[in-house]
């Protein structure tokens, strides 16, 4: 199972896309896979990765997992999670 270390998060495109920028720690991450954010032992938030892009930053390249949001409130929810410096699991493609 792929794992991803989040270094930074931000919204783009008029708050329609939420981005988790960081490093792939193991495995390969592709569009269609899902991020899994645990809240506690019984509740996880999952979302489909719509795009995977590379951002060139002054401190090195980072992989960007892009999640398209249909409503601006979704981006606000993602931002409120404050996921910086978190390691998350990535699950297989949805069917």
C-alpha atoms as a PDB file:
ATOM      1  CA  UNK A   1       0.000   0.000   0.000  1.00  0.00           C
ATOM      2  CA  UNK A   2       1.478   3.374  -0.968  1.00  0.00           C
ATOM      3  CA  UNK A   3       2.240   5.863   1.787  1.00  0.00           C
ATOM      4  CA  UNK A   4       2.559   9.638   1.397  1.00  0.00           C
ATOM      5  CA  UNK A   5       4.166  12.283   3.647  1.00  0.00           C
ATOM      6  CA  UNK A   6       2.270  15.587   3.443  1.00  0.00           C
ATOM      7  CA  UNK A   7       4.560  18.636   3.628  1.00  0.00           C
ATOM      8  CA  UNK A   8       2.043  21.323   2.716  1.00  0.00           C
ATOM      9  CA  UNK A   9      -1.603  21.748   1.701  1.00  0.00           C
ATOM     10  CA  UNK A  10      -3.378  24.472  -0.247  1.00  0.00           C
ATOM     11  CA  UNK A  11      -6.389  25.251  -2.438  1.00  0.00           C
ATOM     12  CA  UNK A  12      -6.193  26.257  -6.102  1.00  0.00           C
ATOM     13  CA  UNK A  13      -8.522  27.177  -8.962  1.00  0.00           C
ATOM     14  CA  UNK A  14     -10.995  29.348  -7.068  1.00  0.00           C
ATOM     15  CA  UNK A  15     -11.191  26.850  -4.186  1.00  0.00           C
ATOM     16  CA  UNK A  16     -12.278  23.941  -6.414  1.00  0.00           C
ATOM     17  CA  UNK A  17      -9.141  21.823  -5.931  1.00  0.00           C
ATOM     18  CA  UNK A  18      -7.431  20.826  -2.700  1.00  0.00           C
ATOM     19  CA  UNK A  19      -3.755  19.876  -2.973  1.00  0.00           C
ATOM     20  CA  UNK A  20      -1.618  17.793  -0.657  1.00  0.00           C
ATOM     21  CA  UNK A  21       2.042  18.372  -1.576  1.00  0.00           C
ATOM     22  CA  UNK A  22       4.748  16.082  -0.291  1.00  0.00           C
ATOM     23  CA  UNK A  23       6.719  12.906  -0.845  1.00  0.00           C
ATOM     24  CA  UNK A  24       5.768   9.366  -1.811  1.00  0.00           C
ATOM     25  CA  UNK A  25       7.363   7.218   0.901  1.00  0.00           C
ATOM     26  CA  UNK A  26       6.580   3.867  -0.673  1.00  0.00           C
ATOM     27  CA  UNK A  27       4.657   2.487  -3.625  1.00  0.00           C
ATOM     28  CA  UNK A  28       3.300   4.355  -6.621  1.00  0.00           C
ATOM     29  CA  UNK A  29       0.468   6.904  -6.492  1.00  0.00           C
ATOM     30  CA  UNK A  30      -1.808   7.344  -9.516  1.00  0.00           C
ATOM     31  CA  UNK A  31      -5.030   9.196 -10.359  1.00  0.00           C
ATOM     32  CA  UNK A  32      -8.097   7.209  -9.340  1.00  0.00           C
ATOM     33  CA  UNK A  33      -6.505   5.984  -6.128  1.00  0.00           C
ATOM     34  CA  UNK A  34      -7.888   7.242  -2.809  1.00  0.00           C
ATOM     35  CA  UNK A  35      -6.334   9.004   0.161  1.00  0.00           C
ATOM     36  CA  UNK A  36      -7.352   7.748   3.566  1.00  0.00           C
ATOM     37  CA  UNK A  37      -7.253  10.152   6.514  1.00  0.00           C
ATOM     38  CA  UNK A  38      -7.954   8.505   9.897  1.00  0.00           C
ATOM     39  CA  UNK A  39      -9.854  10.504  12.508  1.00  0.00           C
ATOM     40  CA  UNK A  40      -9.850   7.733  15.091  1.00  0.00           C
ATOM     41  CA  UNK A  41      -9.840   3.921  15.182  1.00  0.00           C
ATOM     42  CA  UNK A  42     -13.254   3.632  13.532  1.00  0.00           C
ATOM     43  CA  UNK A  43     -13.633   6.680  11.253  1.00  0.00           C
ATOM     44  CA  UNK A  44     -11.653   7.476   8.078  1.00  0.00           C
ATOM     45  CA  UNK A  45     -12.157  10.256   5.544  1.00  0.00           C
ATOM     46  CA  UNK A  46     -11.457   9.072   2.000  1.00  0.00           C
ATOM     47  CA  UNK A  47     -11.278  10.994  -1.267  1.00  0.00           C
ATOM     48  CA  UNK A  48     -10.363  10.114  -4.832  1.00  0.00           C
ATOM     49  CA  UNK A  49      -7.117  11.524  -6.243  1.00  0.00           C
ATOM     50  CA  UNK A  50      -8.063  13.248  -9.494  1.00  0.00           C
ATOM     51  CA  UNK A  51      -4.560  14.288 -10.592  1.00  0.00           C
ATOM     52  CA  UNK A  52      -0.980  13.694  -9.552  1.00  0.00           C
ATOM     53  CA  UNK A  53       1.415  16.521 -10.477  1.00  0.00           C
ATOM     54  CA  UNK A  54       4.967  17.540  -9.648  1.00  0.00           C
ATOM     55  CA  UNK A  55       5.678  21.017  -8.280  1.00  0.00           C
ATOM     56  CA  UNK A  56       9.177  22.460  -8.547  1.00  0.00           C
ATOM     57  CA  UNK A  57       9.946  24.364  -5.344  1.00  0.00           C
ATOM     58  CA  UNK A  58      13.032  26.171  -4.122  1.00  0.00           C
ATOM     59  CA  UNK A  59      13.576  23.398  -1.553  1.00  0.00           C
ATOM     60  CA  UNK A  60      13.094  20.529  -4.031  1.00  0.00           C
ATOM     61  CA  UNK A  61      10.392  18.901  -6.090  1.00  0.00           C
ATOM     62  CA  UNK A  62       7.217  17.659  -4.399  1.00  0.00           C
ATOM     63  CA  UNK A  63       4.429  15.393  -5.593  1.00  0.00           C
ATOM     64  CA  UNK A  64       0.982  17.011  -5.506  1.00  0.00           C
ATOM     65  CA  UNK A  65      -2.109  14.909  -4.910  1.00  0.00           C
ATOM     66  CA  UNK A  66      -5.025  16.924  -6.307  1.00  0.00           C
ATOM     67  CA  UNK A  67      -8.587  16.363  -5.097  1.00  0.00           C
ATOM     68  CA  UNK A  68     -11.336  18.082  -7.076  1.00  0.00           C
ATOM     69  CA  UNK A  69     -14.093  19.463  -4.864  1.00  0.00           C
ATOM     70  CA  UNK A  70     -17.579  20.107  -6.194  1.00  0.00           C
ATOM     71  CA  UNK A  71     -18.339  22.771  -3.577  1.00  0.00           C
ATOM     72  CA  UNK A  72     -16.116  25.424  -1.916  1.00  0.00           C
ATOM     73  CA  UNK A  73     -17.198  24.128   1.512  1.00  0.00           C
ATOM     74  CA  UNK A  74     -15.374  20.862   0.762  1.00  0.00           C
ATOM     75  CA  UNK A  75     -12.079  22.724   0.369  1.00  0.00           C
ATOM     76  CA  UNK A  76     -12.732  24.549   3.641  1.00  0.00           C
ATOM     77  CA  UNK A  77     -13.205  21.193   5.378  1.00  0.00           C
ATOM     78  CA  UNK A  78      -9.934  19.830   3.951  1.00  0.00           C
ATOM     79  CA  UNK A  79      -8.074  22.993   4.991  1.00  0.00           C
ATOM     80  CA  UNK A  80      -9.475  22.737   8.527  1.00  0.00           C
ATOM     81  CA  UNK A  81      -7.925  19.263   8.910  1.00  0.00           C
ATOM     82  CA  UNK A  82      -4.433  20.844   9.015  1.00  0.00           C
ATOM     83  CA  UNK A  83      -2.721  17.797   7.503  1.00  0.00           C
ATOM     84  CA  UNK A  84       0.809  19.223   7.289  1.00  0.00           C
ATOM     85  CA  UNK A  85       3.518  16.798   8.399  1.00  0.00           C
ATOM     86  CA  UNK A  86       1.094  13.839   8.381  1.00  0.00           C
ATOM     87  CA  UNK A  87       1.751  10.460   6.784  1.00  0.00           C
ATOM     88  CA  UNK A  88      -1.276   8.995   5.016  1.00  0.00           C
ATOM     89  CA  UNK A  89      -2.127   5.731   3.271  1.00  0.00           C
ATOM     90  CA  UNK A  90      -3.207   5.492  -0.338  1.00  0.00           C
ATOM     91  CA  UNK A  91      -5.601   2.745  -1.460  1.00  0.00           C
ATOM     92  CA  UNK A  92      -6.114   1.201  -4.911  1.00  0.00           C
ATOM     93  CA  UNK A  93      -8.090   2.569  -7.785  1.00  0.00           C
ATOM     94  CA  UNK A  94     -11.839   2.733  -7.540  1.00  0.00           C
ATOM     95  CA  UNK A  95     -13.901   0.528  -9.805  1.00  0.00           C
END
